[in-house]
Amino acid sequence: MTHSPTPTAAPDLMPAKIVYGLYAVGYVVALTALVGVVYAYVARGKDPVLDSHLTFQIRTFWISLAIAVLAFVTMVVGIGFLIWAFLAIWGLIRVISGFLLANDGKPITGTKHFGIMAY
């Protein structure tokens, strides 16, 4: 009797996918990003692969908030609009690249391109 190796169950990354979705909707309704970060904090600690995504998402939220404050303050001198544009692109790339990894069941092992894209 030959035993075939039992396939390891793929981690449940649905909480990460939900947070990515909340962040994406956050571009229209900002409150959903706040809901997403709270959910990310609550969902941590269940699986290392999931935790890699949730940590990435929590960092994305706080860095985005800091950049948004900088953009708001510098709008007086006109550069804030460029910072808002950078933030929009930076955030979307992080959300999309993270979601694609979660959809494939892969952890986030780091970022490339100055922290813009997850891999």
Protein backbone atom coordinates (compact mmCIF):
# COMPACT_ATOMS: atom_id res chain seq x y z
CA MET A 1 0.00 0.00 0.00
CA THR A 2 1.53 3.26 -1.09
CA HIS A 3 0.82 6.37 0.89
CA SER A 4 0.59 9.48 -1.12
CA PRO A 5 1.56 12.62 0.72
CA THR A 6 -1.44 14.47 1.97
CA PRO A 7 -1.67 17.89 0.42
CA THR A 8 -1.28 20.68 2.89
CA ALA A 9 -4.34 22.81 3.20
CA ALA A 10 -4.02 26.25 1.71
CA PRO A 11 -4.24 28.96 4.33
CA ASP A 12 -7.54 30.79 4.62
CA LEU A 13 -6.67 34.23 3.30
CA MET A 14 -10.25 35.50 3.09
CA PRO A 15 -9.68 38.05 5.91
CA ALA A 16 -6.77 39.52 3.93
CA LYS A 17 -8.87 39.63 0.75
CA ILE A 18 -11.65 41.40 2.65
CA VAL A 19 -9.21 44.02 3.95
CA TYR A 20 -7.79 44.54 0.45
CA GLY A 21 -11.36 45.05 -0.78
CA LEU A 22 -12.11 47.51 2.02
CA TYR A 23 -8.96 49.45 1.18
CA ALA A 24 -9.94 49.55 -2.50
CA VAL A 25 -13.41 50.84 -1.64
CA GLY A 26 -11.66 53.32 0.66
CA TYR A 27 -10.76 55.36 -2.40
CA VAL A 28 -14.45 56.26 -2.66
CA VAL A 29 -15.62 55.90 0.95
CA ALA A 30 -12.66 56.62 3.24
CA LEU A 31 -14.32 55.08 6.29
CA THR A 32 -13.91 51.58 4.86
CA ALA A 33 -10.13 51.89 5.12
CA LEU A 34 -10.50 52.49 8.85
CA VAL A 35 -12.80 49.46 9.11
CA GLY A 36 -10.20 47.47 7.17
CA VAL A 37 -7.32 48.28 9.50
CA VAL A 38 -9.41 47.46 12.57
CA TYR A 39 -10.39 44.13 11.00
CA ALA A 40 -6.72 43.47 10.14
CA TYR A 41 -5.72 44.00 13.78
CA VAL A 42 -8.51 41.70 14.99
CA ALA A 43 -7.82 38.91 12.46
CA ARG A 44 -4.08 38.60 13.22
CA GLY A 45 -2.53 35.59 14.93
CA LYS A 46 -4.25 32.72 13.14
CA ASP A 47 -1.79 31.79 10.40
CA PRO A 48 1.71 33.00 9.43
CA VAL A 49 0.79 33.48 5.76
CA LEU A 50 -2.33 35.44 6.71
CA ASP A 51 -0.32 37.45 9.22
CA SER A 52 2.16 38.48 6.52
CA HIS A 53 -0.72 40.04 4.58
CA LEU A 54 -2.33 41.63 7.62
CA THR A 55 0.95 43.17 8.76
CA PHE A 56 1.48 44.53 5.24
CA GLN A 57 -2.04 45.97 5.27
CA ILE A 58 -1.62 47.57 8.68
CA ARG A 59 1.63 49.18 7.54
CA THR A 60 -0.06 50.33 4.35
CA PHE A 61 -2.78 52.06 6.38
CA TRP A 62 -0.42 53.89 8.74
CA ILE A 63 2.03 54.92 6.02
CA SER A 64 -0.91 56.11 3.89
CA LEU A 65 -2.23 58.15 6.80
CA ALA A 66 1.17 59.79 7.32
CA ILE A 67 1.50 60.58 3.61
CA ALA A 68 -2.07 61.96 3.56
CA VAL A 69 -1.30 64.28 6.47
CA LEU A 70 1.85 65.46 4.67
CA ALA A 71 -0.16 66.02 1.48
CA PHE A 72 -2.83 67.97 3.35
CA VAL A 73 -0.29 70.21 5.08
CA THR A 74 1.67 70.88 1.88
CA MET A 75 -1.39 71.74 -0.17
CA VAL A 76 -0.84 75.33 0.97
CA VAL A 77 2.31 75.55 -1.14
CA GLY A 78 0.85 73.53 -4.01
CA ILE A 79 2.98 70.39 -3.75
CA GLY A 80 0.29 68.59 -1.76
CA PHE A 81 -1.61 67.77 -4.94
CA LEU A 82 1.40 65.87 -6.29
CA ILE A 83 1.71 64.01 -3.00
CA TRP A 84 -2.01 63.06 -3.17
CA ALA A 85 -1.44 61.68 -6.69
CA PHE A 86 1.60 59.71 -5.51
CA LEU A 87 -0.42 58.35 -2.56
CA ALA A 88 -3.25 57.20 -4.82
CA ILE A 89 -0.91 55.32 -7.14
CA TRP A 90 1.25 53.94 -4.30
CA GLY A 91 -1.79 52.66 -2.41
CA LEU A 92 -3.44 51.06 -5.43
CA ILE A 93 -0.28 49.21 -6.40
CA ARG A 94 0.11 47.90 -2.83
CA VAL A 95 -3.53 46.80 -2.69
CA ILE A 96 -3.47 45.12 -6.10
CA SER A 97 -0.11 43.39 -5.65
CA GLY A 98 -1.06 42.17 -2.18
CA PHE A 99 -4.45 40.94 -3.32
CA LEU A 100 -2.90 39.00 -6.20
CA LEU A 101 -0.53 37.26 -3.80
CA ALA A 102 -3.39 36.48 -1.40
CA ASN A 103 -5.46 35.15 -4.27
CA ASP A 104 -2.58 32.78 -5.14
CA GLY A 105 -2.26 31.73 -1.48
CA LYS A 106 1.26 33.15 -1.19
CA PRO A 107 2.67 35.12 1.74
CA ILE A 108 4.13 38.58 1.45
CA THR A 109 7.86 38.14 1.86
CA GLY A 110 8.86 41.74 1.21
CA THR A 111 8.41 44.74 -1.01
CA LYS A 112 10.24 46.03 -4.03
CA HIS A 113 10.42 49.32 -5.89
CA PHE A 114 10.86 51.39 -2.71
CA GLY A 115 8.10 49.60 -0.84
CA ILE A 116 5.48 50.05 -3.52
CA MET A 117 4.89 46.47 -4.66
CA ALA A 118 4.51 43.34 -2.54
CA TYR A 119 6.21 40.11 -3.49
